[in-house]
Structures are given as structure tokens and as C-alpha cells.
Amino acid sequence: MTTAPTEAGAAAVPTSVARPTRASRFLDALDSAVIWLSAAILVAMLLLMNVEVGLRYLAHASTRISEEYGEYALGFISLLCFAPALRGGRLLQVQSVIRRLPLRAQAVLELVAGLICAGLSAVLTYGGLRILLDSWRFGSVSLQYSQTPLFIPQVVLPLGLAILTIASVEYGISRFRQLWNGHELPEEHHVVD
């Protein structure tokens, strides 16, 4: 393992880290795309909520769709951002015991956890796809004022969960490789200031 040059007195920084695979580069690009899409959905939701508040306050009227579409927006944002949250280490993980194990034992546990997550996500992807196809086939619409065809908001179920399935496999394998090759995982502390 080589180390990067450091300032006097600073600890050496390892430079031999795993090179990104095609799958990780693809998922990096996909993460960026879904984060930008989620940000755009959030802005649209905020605009809709402000229009609703303005209409109610000024004109004593309502869009009649803001609550329903706000719920759809939150569902889209959540499901689309599960994979970037997982890959960015932003999901809750209790590692007090795992960090004390030898690196190769940690590697096996990380791989098993990634595969279990992928298996559960795959089952949920299949279920979400069945719900979507049933809504499409039966022409189901929401019970709200907008009468939105339900397959439209339900598209995110199989899409977001399929992305999570792929990301879980990649996440487990990449962490397995890193630990198996003797490289400790960085501590992931995300503090809100």
C-alpha cells in the first residue's frame, strides 16, 4: 500500500483504494440524476403548497390537489433517494459490535447484509410492479378530487425499489472487497449543525 505525501507531523493517508467499477460509476450517475429529480419535485411541491396557502388566505379558495400531490411528491422523493442514501452511508447502521470484529468477518457481514437488503428490495420491487400493473389494467384512479390514474404515482414503487436492489448488491460487494483487502471503512458521522 502506498501513501500520499503529508505535511510534517501529519499521519500518512493510504492511496490504494478500490477503483470504481462500471456498476459503481453507473450508480453514481444514477444517484446524481435521482437527487436532482427529487430536488425538482421538492421545489414543485413547495410551489404548490405556497399557491395553496396563498389561494386560501387571499381568495378563500383551494387548488383541491395540493394535499394529494404533496403526498405523491414525498413518496417519489423517499423512494428515489433510498439508493443514494444507502450508498452515501446515510442510513442508520448500528456498528458497535461489527467494528470490533476482524476485517474479513466485517467483509462477510457487509456482503450478507447487502444481499439481504437486495433480496428484500427485489421482493418489494416485484410487489410494486404487480400493484402498478393492476392499477393500469383496471384503470384505478385516486379517490381525491383530481381522480389521478393511480399507475402514475405508483411508477415510483418498482423504479425506486429496483434501483435500491441494484445499489444494495453493489454496496455489499464494494464494502466486502474493501474490507477483505484489508482497508478499514471510514467512520461515517453525519452531524446536523
N, C-alpha and C. Protein backbone atom coordinates (compact mmCIF):
# COMPACT_ATOMS: atom_id res chain seq x y z
N MET A 1 0.85 -1.17 0.00
CA MET A 1 0.00 0.00 0.00
C MET A 1 0.89 1.22 0.00
N THR A 2 0.60 2.18 -0.85
CA THR A 2 1.36 3.42 -0.89
C THR A 2 0.61 4.48 -0.11
N THR A 3 1.35 5.52 0.25
CA THR A 3 0.70 6.59 0.99
C THR A 3 0.94 7.90 0.29
N ALA A 4 0.00 8.79 0.46
CA ALA A 4 0.11 10.11 -0.13
C ALA A 4 1.02 10.97 0.74
N PRO A 5 1.78 11.90 0.13
CA PRO A 5 2.62 12.78 0.93
C PRO A 5 1.77 13.63 1.86
N THR A 6 2.29 13.92 3.03
CA THR A 6 1.55 14.70 4.01
C THR A 6 2.43 15.82 4.53
N GLU A 7 1.79 16.73 5.23
CA GLU A 7 2.54 17.80 5.87
C GLU A 7 3.32 17.22 7.04
N ALA A 8 4.33 17.94 7.50
CA ALA A 8 5.16 17.48 8.61
C ALA A 8 4.29 17.19 9.83
N GLY A 9 4.46 15.98 10.38
CA GLY A 9 3.73 15.62 11.58
C GLY A 9 2.36 15.02 11.33
N ALA A 10 1.86 15.07 10.10
CA ALA A 10 0.53 14.53 9.81
C ALA A 10 0.63 13.04 9.51
N ALA A 11 -0.42 12.33 9.77
CA ALA A 11 -0.45 10.89 9.51
C ALA A 11 -0.51 10.63 8.01
N ALA A 12 0.08 9.53 7.58
CA ALA A 12 0.05 9.16 6.16
C ALA A 12 -1.36 8.74 5.77
N VAL A 13 -1.73 9.08 4.56
CA VAL A 13 -3.05 8.76 4.06
C VAL A 13 -2.92 7.68 3.01
N PRO A 14 -3.58 6.50 3.19
CA PRO A 14 -3.47 5.44 2.20
C PRO A 14 -4.04 5.88 0.86
N THR A 15 -3.34 5.52 -0.21
CA THR A 15 -3.83 5.87 -1.55
C THR A 15 -4.36 4.67 -2.30
N SER A 16 -4.13 3.47 -1.80
CA SER A 16 -4.59 2.30 -2.53
C SER A 16 -6.03 2.00 -2.12
N VAL A 17 -6.94 2.55 -2.85
CA VAL A 17 -8.36 2.26 -2.63
C VAL A 17 -8.89 1.62 -3.89
N ALA A 18 -9.97 0.91 -3.74
CA ALA A 18 -10.54 0.21 -4.88
C ALA A 18 -10.96 1.19 -5.97
N ARG A 19 -10.62 0.86 -7.19
CA ARG A 19 -11.06 1.70 -8.30
C ARG A 19 -12.54 1.46 -8.53
N PRO A 20 -13.24 2.51 -8.93
CA PRO A 20 -14.68 2.35 -9.16
C PRO A 20 -14.94 1.37 -10.33
N THR A 21 -15.92 0.53 -10.13
CA THR A 21 -16.32 -0.39 -11.19
C THR A 21 -17.32 0.31 -12.11
N ARG A 22 -17.63 -0.33 -13.24
CA ARG A 22 -18.64 0.23 -14.14
C ARG A 22 -19.98 0.38 -13.43
N ALA A 23 -20.31 -0.62 -12.60
CA ALA A 23 -21.58 -0.57 -11.86
C ALA A 23 -21.59 0.62 -10.91
N SER A 24 -20.47 0.86 -10.21
CA SER A 24 -20.47 1.98 -9.27
C SER A 24 -20.49 3.32 -10.00
N ARG A 25 -19.83 3.40 -11.15
CA ARG A 25 -19.89 4.65 -11.92
C ARG A 25 -21.30 4.89 -12.45
N PHE A 26 -21.97 3.83 -12.91
CA PHE A 26 -23.36 3.94 -13.37
C PHE A 26 -24.26 4.39 -12.22
N LEU A 27 -24.09 3.77 -11.05
CA LEU A 27 -24.92 4.13 -9.91
C LEU A 27 -24.60 5.54 -9.40
N ASP A 28 -23.35 5.97 -9.51
CA ASP A 28 -23.02 7.36 -9.16
C ASP A 28 -23.79 8.33 -10.03
N ALA A 29 -23.81 8.05 -11.34
CA ALA A 29 -24.55 8.92 -12.27
C ALA A 29 -26.05 8.86 -11.98
N LEU A 30 -26.55 7.66 -11.70
CA LEU A 30 -27.97 7.50 -11.39
C LEU A 30 -28.32 8.21 -10.08
N ASP A 31 -27.44 8.11 -9.09
CA ASP A 31 -27.67 8.82 -7.82
C ASP A 31 -27.81 10.32 -8.07
N SER A 32 -26.89 10.87 -8.87
CA SER A 32 -26.96 12.31 -9.17
C SER A 32 -28.27 12.66 -9.85
N ALA A 33 -28.67 11.83 -10.81
CA ALA A 33 -29.91 12.11 -11.56
C ALA A 33 -31.13 12.07 -10.64
N VAL A 34 -31.23 11.05 -9.78
CA VAL A 34 -32.42 10.96 -8.92
C VAL A 34 -32.41 12.03 -7.83
N ILE A 35 -31.23 12.44 -7.39
CA ILE A 35 -31.17 13.52 -6.41
C ILE A 35 -31.63 14.83 -7.04
N TRP A 36 -31.19 15.11 -8.27
CA TRP A 36 -31.65 16.33 -8.96
C TRP A 36 -33.15 16.26 -9.24
N LEU A 37 -33.63 15.09 -9.68
CA LEU A 37 -35.07 14.93 -9.92
C LEU A 37 -35.85 15.13 -8.62
N SER A 38 -35.36 14.56 -7.53
CA SER A 38 -36.02 14.73 -6.24
C SER A 38 -36.02 16.18 -5.79
N ALA A 39 -34.93 16.89 -6.05
CA ALA A 39 -34.87 18.31 -5.71
C ALA A 39 -35.90 19.10 -6.51
N ALA A 40 -36.04 18.76 -7.79
CA ALA A 40 -37.03 19.44 -8.64
C ALA A 40 -38.44 19.14 -8.15
N ILE A 41 -38.70 17.89 -7.75
CA ILE A 41 -40.01 17.52 -7.21
C ILE A 41 -40.28 18.29 -5.92
N LEU A 42 -39.27 18.43 -5.08
CA LEU A 42 -39.42 19.17 -3.83
C LEU A 42 -39.75 20.63 -4.10
N VAL A 43 -39.07 21.24 -5.06
CA VAL A 43 -39.36 22.63 -5.41
C VAL A 43 -40.79 22.76 -5.93
N ALA A 44 -41.21 21.83 -6.79
CA ALA A 44 -42.57 21.87 -7.32
C ALA A 44 -43.59 21.71 -6.18
N MET A 45 -43.29 20.82 -5.23
CA MET A 45 -44.19 20.64 -4.09
C MET A 45 -44.27 21.91 -3.24
N LEU A 46 -43.14 22.55 -3.02
CA LEU A 46 -43.15 23.80 -2.25
C LEU A 46 -43.94 24.89 -2.96
N LEU A 47 -43.78 24.96 -4.27
CA LEU A 47 -44.56 25.94 -5.04
C LEU A 47 -46.05 25.66 -4.93
N LEU A 48 -46.43 24.40 -5.07
CA LEU A 48 -47.83 24.02 -4.97
C LEU A 48 -48.39 24.36 -3.59
N MET A 49 -47.62 24.06 -2.54
CA MET A 49 -48.09 24.37 -1.18
C MET A 49 -48.24 25.88 -0.99
N ASN A 50 -47.31 26.66 -1.51
CA ASN A 50 -47.41 28.11 -1.38
C ASN A 50 -48.59 28.67 -2.17
N VAL A 51 -48.87 28.11 -3.33
CA VAL A 51 -50.05 28.53 -4.10
C VAL A 51 -51.31 28.20 -3.30
N GLU A 52 -51.33 27.02 -2.70
CA GLU A 52 -52.49 26.62 -1.89
C GLU A 52 -52.70 27.58 -0.72
N VAL A 53 -51.63 27.88 -0.01
CA VAL A 53 -51.74 28.80 1.14
C VAL A 53 -52.18 30.18 0.66
N GLY A 54 -51.59 30.66 -0.43
CA GLY A 54 -51.97 31.97 -0.96
C GLY A 54 -53.42 32.02 -1.38
N LEU A 55 -53.88 30.99 -2.08
CA LEU A 55 -55.29 30.95 -2.50
C LEU A 55 -56.23 30.93 -1.31
N ARG A 56 -55.90 30.13 -0.32
CA ARG A 56 -56.79 30.05 0.86
C ARG A 56 -56.81 31.37 1.62
N TYR A 57 -55.66 31.99 1.74
CA TYR A 57 -55.56 33.22 2.52
C TYR A 57 -56.18 34.40 1.79
N LEU A 58 -55.89 34.51 0.50
CA LEU A 58 -56.32 35.69 -0.26
C LEU A 58 -57.70 35.54 -0.90
N ALA A 59 -58.01 34.37 -1.40
CA ALA A 59 -59.24 34.21 -2.17
C ALA A 59 -60.22 33.24 -1.53
N HIS A 60 -59.88 32.69 -0.38
CA HIS A 60 -60.74 31.71 0.29
C HIS A 60 -61.13 30.59 -0.67
N ALA A 61 -60.13 30.16 -1.48
CA ALA A 61 -60.33 29.09 -2.46
C ALA A 61 -59.24 28.04 -2.24
N SER A 62 -59.30 26.97 -3.02
CA SER A 62 -58.32 25.89 -2.88
C SER A 62 -58.00 25.30 -4.24
N THR A 63 -56.79 24.76 -4.37
CA THR A 63 -56.44 24.04 -5.60
C THR A 63 -57.10 22.67 -5.59
N ARG A 64 -57.42 22.16 -4.42
CA ARG A 64 -58.04 20.86 -4.20
C ARG A 64 -57.13 19.67 -4.53
N ILE A 65 -55.91 19.96 -4.91
CA ILE A 65 -54.99 18.86 -5.23
C ILE A 65 -53.70 18.91 -4.44
N SER A 66 -53.49 19.97 -3.68
CA SER A 66 -52.18 20.16 -3.04
C SER A 66 -51.85 19.05 -2.04
N GLU A 67 -52.80 18.63 -1.24
CA GLU A 67 -52.52 17.58 -0.26
C GLU A 67 -52.16 16.26 -0.97
N GLU A 68 -52.98 15.89 -1.93
CA GLU A 68 -52.76 14.63 -2.65
C GLU A 68 -51.42 14.65 -3.39
N TYR A 69 -51.14 15.72 -4.12
CA TYR A 69 -49.91 15.77 -4.90
C TYR A 69 -48.69 15.95 -4.00
N GLY A 70 -48.87 16.59 -2.85
CA GLY A 70 -47.79 16.67 -1.87
C GLY A 70 -47.41 15.29 -1.35
N GLU A 71 -48.42 14.46 -1.12
CA GLU A 71 -48.16 13.09 -0.68
C GLU A 71 -47.45 12.29 -1.76
N TYR A 72 -47.87 12.43 -3.00
CA TYR A 72 -47.19 11.75 -4.10
C TYR A 72 -45.74 12.21 -4.18
N ALA A 73 -45.52 13.51 -4.04
CA ALA A 73 -44.17 14.06 -4.13
C ALA A 73 -43.27 13.49 -3.04
N LEU A 74 -43.77 13.42 -1.81
CA LEU A 74 -42.97 12.85 -0.73
C LEU A 74 -42.66 11.38 -0.97
N GLY A 75 -43.63 10.65 -1.52
CA GLY A 75 -43.39 9.25 -1.86
C GLY A 75 -42.31 9.11 -2.92
N PHE A 76 -42.39 9.94 -3.96
CA PHE A 76 -41.38 9.91 -5.02
C PHE A 76 -40.00 10.22 -4.46
N ILE A 77 -39.90 11.29 -3.69
CA ILE A 77 -38.61 11.71 -3.15
C ILE A 77 -38.02 10.60 -2.27
N SER A 78 -38.83 10.04 -1.40
CA SER A 78 -38.33 8.99 -0.49
C SER A 78 -37.85 7.77 -1.25
N LEU A 79 -38.68 7.26 -2.13
CA LEU A 79 -38.32 6.03 -2.83
C LEU A 79 -37.14 6.23 -3.78
N LEU A 80 -37.07 7.37 -4.42
CA LEU A 80 -35.95 7.61 -5.34
C LEU A 80 -34.63 7.79 -4.60
N CYS A 81 -34.69 8.29 -3.37
CA CYS A 81 -33.45 8.61 -2.65
C CYS A 81 -32.98 7.52 -1.69
N PHE A 82 -33.66 6.37 -1.63
CA PHE A 82 -33.18 5.29 -0.78
C PHE A 82 -31.79 4.82 -1.22
N ALA A 83 -31.60 4.61 -2.51
CA ALA A 83 -30.30 4.11 -3.00
C ALA A 83 -29.17 5.11 -2.76
N PRO A 84 -29.34 6.40 -3.11
CA PRO A 84 -28.26 7.33 -2.78
C PRO A 84 -27.98 7.42 -1.28
N ALA A 85 -29.01 7.30 -0.46
CA ALA A 85 -28.81 7.34 1.00
C ALA A 85 -28.01 6.12 1.45
N LEU A 86 -28.32 4.96 0.93
CA LEU A 86 -27.58 3.75 1.27
C LEU A 86 -26.13 3.88 0.84
N ARG A 87 -25.90 4.25 -0.40
CA ARG A 87 -24.54 4.33 -0.93
C ARG A 87 -23.73 5.45 -0.29
N GLY A 88 -24.40 6.47 0.19
CA GLY A 88 -23.71 7.57 0.85
C GLY A 88 -23.52 7.37 2.35
N GLY A 89 -23.92 6.20 2.86
CA GLY A 89 -23.77 5.92 4.27
C GLY A 89 -24.68 6.73 5.16
N ARG A 90 -25.84 7.10 4.64
CA ARG A 90 -26.72 7.98 5.39
C ARG A 90 -27.92 7.24 6.00
N LEU A 91 -27.94 5.92 5.90
CA LEU A 91 -28.98 5.15 6.56
C LEU A 91 -28.45 4.72 7.92
N LEU A 92 -29.34 4.55 8.86
CA LEU A 92 -28.97 4.20 10.22
C LEU A 92 -28.33 2.82 10.24
N GLN A 93 -27.15 2.75 10.82
CA GLN A 93 -26.45 1.48 10.98
C GLN A 93 -25.88 1.43 12.39
N VAL A 94 -26.09 0.32 13.07
CA VAL A 94 -25.54 0.13 14.40
C VAL A 94 -24.33 -0.77 14.23
N GLN A 95 -23.14 -0.20 14.38
CA GLN A 95 -21.93 -0.95 14.09
C GLN A 95 -21.02 -1.11 15.31
N SER A 96 -21.57 -0.95 16.50
CA SER A 96 -20.73 -1.03 17.70
C SER A 96 -20.07 -2.40 17.85
N VAL A 97 -20.75 -3.47 17.46
CA VAL A 97 -20.18 -4.81 17.54
C VAL A 97 -19.37 -5.12 16.29
N ILE A 98 -19.92 -4.79 15.14
CA ILE A 98 -19.28 -5.14 13.87
C ILE A 98 -17.88 -4.52 13.76
N ARG A 99 -17.71 -3.29 14.18
CA ARG A 99 -16.41 -2.60 14.08
C ARG A 99 -15.33 -3.26 14.93
N ARG A 100 -15.73 -4.08 15.89
CA ARG A 100 -14.74 -4.75 16.75
C ARG A 100 -14.29 -6.09 16.17
N LEU A 101 -14.95 -6.57 15.13
CA LEU A 101 -14.60 -7.85 14.52
C LEU A 101 -13.40 -7.69 13.59
N PRO A 102 -12.73 -8.79 13.26
CA PRO A 102 -11.66 -8.72 12.27
C PRO A 102 -12.22 -8.24 10.92
N LEU A 103 -11.36 -7.63 10.10
CA LEU A 103 -11.83 -7.04 8.84
C LEU A 103 -12.50 -8.06 7.93
N ARG A 104 -11.99 -9.27 7.87
CA ARG A 104 -12.61 -10.27 6.98
C ARG A 104 -13.98 -10.71 7.49
N ALA A 105 -14.17 -10.76 8.78
CA ALA A 105 -15.50 -11.05 9.33
C ALA A 105 -16.45 -9.90 9.01
N GLN A 106 -15.97 -8.66 9.14
CA GLN A 106 -16.77 -7.50 8.76
C GLN A 106 -17.15 -7.58 7.28
N ALA A 107 -16.19 -8.00 6.44
CA ALA A 107 -16.43 -8.09 5.00
C ALA A 107 -17.58 -9.05 4.71
N VAL A 108 -17.55 -10.21 5.35
CA VAL A 108 -18.61 -11.20 5.12
C VAL A 108 -19.96 -10.66 5.58
N LEU A 109 -19.99 -10.02 6.75
CA LEU A 109 -21.25 -9.46 7.25
C LEU A 109 -21.78 -8.35 6.35
N GLU A 110 -20.90 -7.51 5.83
CA GLU A 110 -21.33 -6.44 4.92
C GLU A 110 -21.92 -7.03 3.64
N LEU A 111 -21.28 -8.08 3.12
CA LEU A 111 -21.79 -8.73 1.91
C LEU A 111 -23.15 -9.37 2.17
N VAL A 112 -23.28 -10.08 3.29
CA VAL A 112 -24.55 -10.72 3.64
C VAL A 112 -25.64 -9.66 3.81
N ALA A 113 -25.32 -8.57 4.50
CA ALA A 113 -26.31 -7.50 4.71
C ALA A 113 -26.74 -6.90 3.37
N GLY A 114 -25.78 -6.67 2.47
CA GLY A 114 -26.12 -6.13 1.15
C GLY A 114 -27.02 -7.06 0.36
N LEU A 115 -26.73 -8.36 0.44
CA LEU A 115 -27.54 -9.34 -0.30
C LEU A 115 -28.93 -9.49 0.31
N ILE A 116 -29.03 -9.44 1.63
CA ILE A 116 -30.35 -9.50 2.27
C ILE A 116 -31.17 -8.28 1.87
N CYS A 117 -30.56 -7.10 1.92
CA CYS A 117 -31.25 -5.88 1.50
C CYS A 117 -31.70 -5.98 0.05
N ALA A 118 -30.82 -6.51 -0.81
CA ALA A 118 -31.17 -6.67 -2.22
C ALA A 118 -32.33 -7.65 -2.40
N GLY A 119 -32.31 -8.74 -1.64
CA GLY A 119 -33.39 -9.72 -1.74
C GLY A 119 -34.73 -9.13 -1.31
N LEU A 120 -34.73 -8.42 -0.19
CA LEU A 120 -35.97 -7.78 0.27
C LEU A 120 -36.45 -6.72 -0.72
N SER A 121 -35.51 -5.95 -1.24
CA SER A 121 -35.86 -4.91 -2.22
C SER A 121 -36.41 -5.53 -3.50
N ALA A 122 -35.84 -6.65 -3.90
CA ALA A 122 -36.32 -7.33 -5.11
C ALA A 122 -37.76 -7.82 -4.93
N VAL A 123 -38.06 -8.37 -3.76
CA VAL A 123 -39.43 -8.82 -3.47
C VAL A 123 -40.38 -7.63 -3.50
N LEU A 124 -39.97 -6.51 -2.88
CA LEU A 124 -40.81 -5.32 -2.88
C LEU A 124 -40.93 -4.72 -4.28
N THR A 125 -39.89 -4.82 -5.09
CA THR A 125 -39.95 -4.36 -6.48
C THR A 125 -41.02 -5.14 -7.24
N TYR A 126 -41.00 -6.45 -7.06
CA TYR A 126 -41.99 -7.30 -7.72
C TYR A 126 -43.41 -6.93 -7.25
N GLY A 127 -43.58 -6.76 -5.95
CA GLY A 127 -44.90 -6.37 -5.42
C GLY A 127 -45.34 -5.02 -5.96
N GLY A 128 -44.41 -4.06 -6.00
CA GLY A 128 -44.74 -2.74 -6.53
C GLY A 128 -45.12 -2.80 -8.00
N LEU A 129 -44.42 -3.65 -8.75
CA LEU A 129 -44.75 -3.81 -10.18
C LEU A 129 -46.13 -4.43 -10.36
N ARG A 130 -46.47 -5.40 -9.52
CA ARG A 130 -47.80 -6.01 -9.59
C ARG A 130 -48.90 -4.99 -9.30
N ILE A 131 -48.67 -4.15 -8.28
CA ILE A 131 -49.64 -3.11 -7.93
C ILE A 131 -49.80 -2.14 -9.10
N LEU A 132 -48.68 -1.73 -9.67
CA LEU A 132 -48.70 -0.81 -10.81
C LEU A 132 -49.47 -1.41 -11.99
N LEU A 133 -49.17 -2.65 -12.33
CA LEU A 133 -49.84 -3.29 -13.48
C LEU A 133 -51.33 -3.50 -13.22
N ASP A 134 -51.69 -3.84 -11.98
CA ASP A 134 -53.12 -3.99 -11.65
C ASP A 134 -53.85 -2.66 -11.78
N SER A 135 -53.23 -1.58 -11.30
CA SER A 135 -53.85 -0.26 -11.42
C SER A 135 -54.01 0.14 -12.87
N TRP A 136 -53.03 -0.18 -13.67
CA TRP A 136 -53.08 0.12 -15.11
C TRP A 136 -54.20 -0.68 -15.77
N ARG A 137 -54.22 -1.98 -15.48
CA ARG A 137 -55.20 -2.87 -16.12
C ARG A 137 -56.63 -2.52 -15.73
N PHE A 138 -56.87 -2.17 -14.49
CA PHE A 138 -58.23 -1.89 -14.03
C PHE A 138 -58.61 -0.42 -14.14
N GLY A 139 -57.67 0.42 -14.56
CA GLY A 139 -57.97 1.85 -14.70
C GLY A 139 -58.28 2.53 -13.38
N SER A 140 -57.61 2.10 -12.34
CA SER A 140 -57.85 2.67 -11.00
C SER A 140 -57.45 4.14 -10.95
N VAL A 141 -58.28 4.93 -10.28
CA VAL A 141 -57.99 6.35 -10.09
C VAL A 141 -58.08 6.66 -8.61
N SER A 142 -57.45 7.76 -8.21
CA SER A 142 -57.47 8.16 -6.80
C SER A 142 -58.89 8.56 -6.40
N LEU A 143 -59.15 8.50 -5.12
CA LEU A 143 -60.46 8.88 -4.60
C LEU A 143 -60.56 10.38 -4.37
N GLN A 144 -59.48 11.09 -4.61
CA GLN A 144 -59.44 12.53 -4.38
C GLN A 144 -60.08 13.29 -5.55
N TYR A 145 -60.13 14.58 -5.40
CA TYR A 145 -60.75 15.47 -6.38
C TYR A 145 -60.12 15.33 -7.76
N SER A 146 -58.81 15.11 -7.82
CA SER A 146 -58.09 15.09 -9.12
C SER A 146 -58.39 13.84 -9.94
N GLN A 147 -58.82 12.77 -9.29
CA GLN A 147 -59.07 11.49 -9.97
C GLN A 147 -57.83 11.05 -10.77
N THR A 148 -56.65 11.20 -10.17
CA THR A 148 -55.38 10.84 -10.81
C THR A 148 -55.33 9.34 -11.06
N PRO A 149 -55.01 8.93 -12.30
CA PRO A 149 -54.81 7.49 -12.54
C PRO A 149 -53.70 6.98 -11.62
N LEU A 150 -53.97 5.95 -10.84
CA LEU A 150 -53.04 5.52 -9.80
C LEU A 150 -51.73 4.95 -10.32
N PHE A 151 -51.71 4.49 -11.57
CA PHE A 151 -50.46 3.96 -12.08
C PHE A 151 -49.38 5.06 -12.18
N ILE A 152 -49.80 6.32 -12.29
CA ILE A 152 -48.81 7.41 -12.41
C ILE A 152 -47.99 7.56 -11.13
N PRO A 153 -48.62 7.74 -9.96
CA PRO A 153 -47.77 7.82 -8.76
C PRO A 153 -47.15 6.48 -8.37
N GLN A 154 -47.75 5.38 -8.82
CA GLN A 154 -47.22 4.08 -8.45
C GLN A 154 -46.01 3.67 -9.28
N VAL A 155 -45.68 4.40 -10.31
CA VAL A 155 -44.50 4.11 -11.12
C VAL A 155 -43.24 4.10 -10.26
N VAL A 156 -43.22 4.94 -9.25
CA VAL A 156 -42.03 5.08 -8.42
C VAL A 156 -41.78 3.83 -7.56
N LEU A 157 -42.80 3.04 -7.27
CA LEU A 157 -42.60 1.85 -6.44
C LEU A 157 -41.58 0.90 -7.06
N PRO A 158 -41.86 0.33 -8.23
CA PRO A 158 -40.86 -0.59 -8.79
C PRO A 158 -39.58 0.13 -9.22
N LEU A 159 -39.69 1.36 -9.65
CA LEU A 159 -38.50 2.09 -10.11
C LEU A 159 -37.52 2.33 -8.95
N GLY A 160 -37.98 2.96 -7.90
CA GLY A 160 -37.12 3.25 -6.76
C GLY A 160 -36.59 2.00 -6.08
N LEU A 161 -37.44 0.99 -5.96
CA LEU A 161 -37.01 -0.25 -5.31
C LEU A 161 -36.07 -1.07 -6.18
N ALA A 162 -36.24 -1.01 -7.51
CA ALA A 162 -35.29 -1.70 -8.40
C ALA A 162 -33.91 -1.04 -8.31
N ILE A 163 -33.89 0.28 -8.26
CA ILE A 163 -32.61 0.99 -8.09
C ILE A 163 -31.98 0.60 -6.76
N LEU A 164 -32.79 0.51 -5.70
CA LEU A 164 -32.27 0.11 -4.39
C LEU A 164 -31.74 -1.32 -4.43
N THR A 165 -32.39 -2.21 -5.16
CA THR A 165 -31.93 -3.59 -5.28
C THR A 165 -30.53 -3.64 -5.88
N ILE A 166 -30.35 -2.94 -6.99
CA ILE A 166 -29.05 -2.92 -7.66
C ILE A 166 -28.01 -2.26 -6.77
N ALA A 167 -28.38 -1.15 -6.14
CA ALA A 167 -27.44 -0.44 -5.27
C ALA A 167 -27.05 -1.28 -4.07
N SER A 168 -27.96 -2.08 -3.54
CA SER A 168 -27.65 -2.92 -2.38
C SER A 168 -26.62 -3.98 -2.72
N VAL A 169 -26.75 -4.58 -3.89
CA VAL A 169 -25.76 -5.57 -4.34
C VAL A 169 -24.40 -4.90 -4.50
N GLU A 170 -24.38 -3.77 -5.20
CA GLU A 170 -23.12 -3.06 -5.43
C GLU A 170 -22.50 -2.61 -4.12
N TYR A 171 -23.32 -2.11 -3.21
CA TYR A 171 -22.85 -1.63 -1.91
C TYR A 171 -22.23 -2.77 -1.10
N GLY A 172 -22.92 -3.89 -1.03
CA GLY A 172 -22.40 -5.04 -0.29
C GLY A 172 -21.11 -5.57 -0.88
N ILE A 173 -21.05 -5.66 -2.21
CA ILE A 173 -19.84 -6.17 -2.86
C ILE A 173 -18.67 -5.20 -2.70
N SER A 174 -18.92 -3.92 -2.87
CA SER A 174 -17.81 -2.96 -2.76
C SER A 174 -17.27 -2.90 -1.34
N ARG A 175 -18.15 -2.95 -0.36
CA ARG A 175 -17.68 -2.93 1.03
C ARG A 175 -16.98 -4.25 1.37
N PHE A 176 -17.46 -5.35 0.84
CA PHE A 176 -16.81 -6.64 1.03
C PHE A 176 -15.38 -6.59 0.49
N ARG A 177 -15.23 -6.13 -0.75
CA ARG A 177 -13.90 -6.06 -1.37
C ARG A 177 -12.95 -5.19 -0.57
N GLN A 178 -13.45 -4.03 -0.16
CA GLN A 178 -12.60 -3.10 0.57
C GLN A 178 -12.13 -3.72 1.89
N LEU A 179 -13.03 -4.31 2.64
CA LEU A 179 -12.67 -4.91 3.93
C LEU A 179 -11.83 -6.17 3.75
N TRP A 180 -12.17 -6.99 2.77
CA TRP A 180 -11.46 -8.24 2.54
C TRP A 180 -9.99 -7.97 2.17
N ASN A 181 -9.78 -6.85 1.48
CA ASN A 181 -8.41 -6.48 1.08
C ASN A 181 -7.68 -5.71 2.17
N GLY A 182 -8.25 -5.63 3.36
CA GLY A 182 -7.56 -5.05 4.50
C GLY A 182 -7.72 -3.56 4.68
N HIS A 183 -8.65 -2.94 3.99
CA HIS A 183 -8.87 -1.50 4.13
C HIS A 183 -10.08 -1.26 5.02
N GLU A 184 -9.85 -0.59 6.13
CA GLU A 184 -10.96 -0.28 7.02
C GLU A 184 -11.91 0.72 6.36
N LEU A 185 -13.17 0.60 6.70
CA LEU A 185 -14.16 1.54 6.19
C LEU A 185 -14.05 2.83 6.98
N PRO A 186 -14.25 3.96 6.33
CA PRO A 186 -14.20 5.23 7.06
C PRO A 186 -15.37 5.34 8.02
N GLU A 187 -15.14 6.01 9.13
CA GLU A 187 -16.23 6.30 10.07
C GLU A 187 -17.20 7.23 9.38
N GLU A 188 -18.47 6.94 9.51
CA GLU A 188 -19.48 7.76 8.86
C GLU A 188 -20.30 8.48 9.92
N HIS A 189 -19.92 9.70 10.19
CA HIS A 189 -20.65 10.53 11.15
C HIS A 189 -21.29 11.67 10.38
N HIS A 190 -22.58 11.75 10.43
CA HIS A 190 -23.28 12.83 9.74
C HIS A 190 -23.98 13.66 10.81
N VAL A 191 -23.43 14.80 11.08
CA VAL A 191 -23.95 15.66 12.13
C VAL A 191 -24.66 16.85 11.48
N VAL A 192 -25.82 17.15 12.01
CA VAL A 192 -26.55 18.33 11.54
C VAL A 192 -26.17 19.49 12.44
N ASP A 193 -25.65 20.54 11.85
CA ASP A 193 -25.26 21.72 12.62
C ASP A 193 -26.40 22.70 12.72
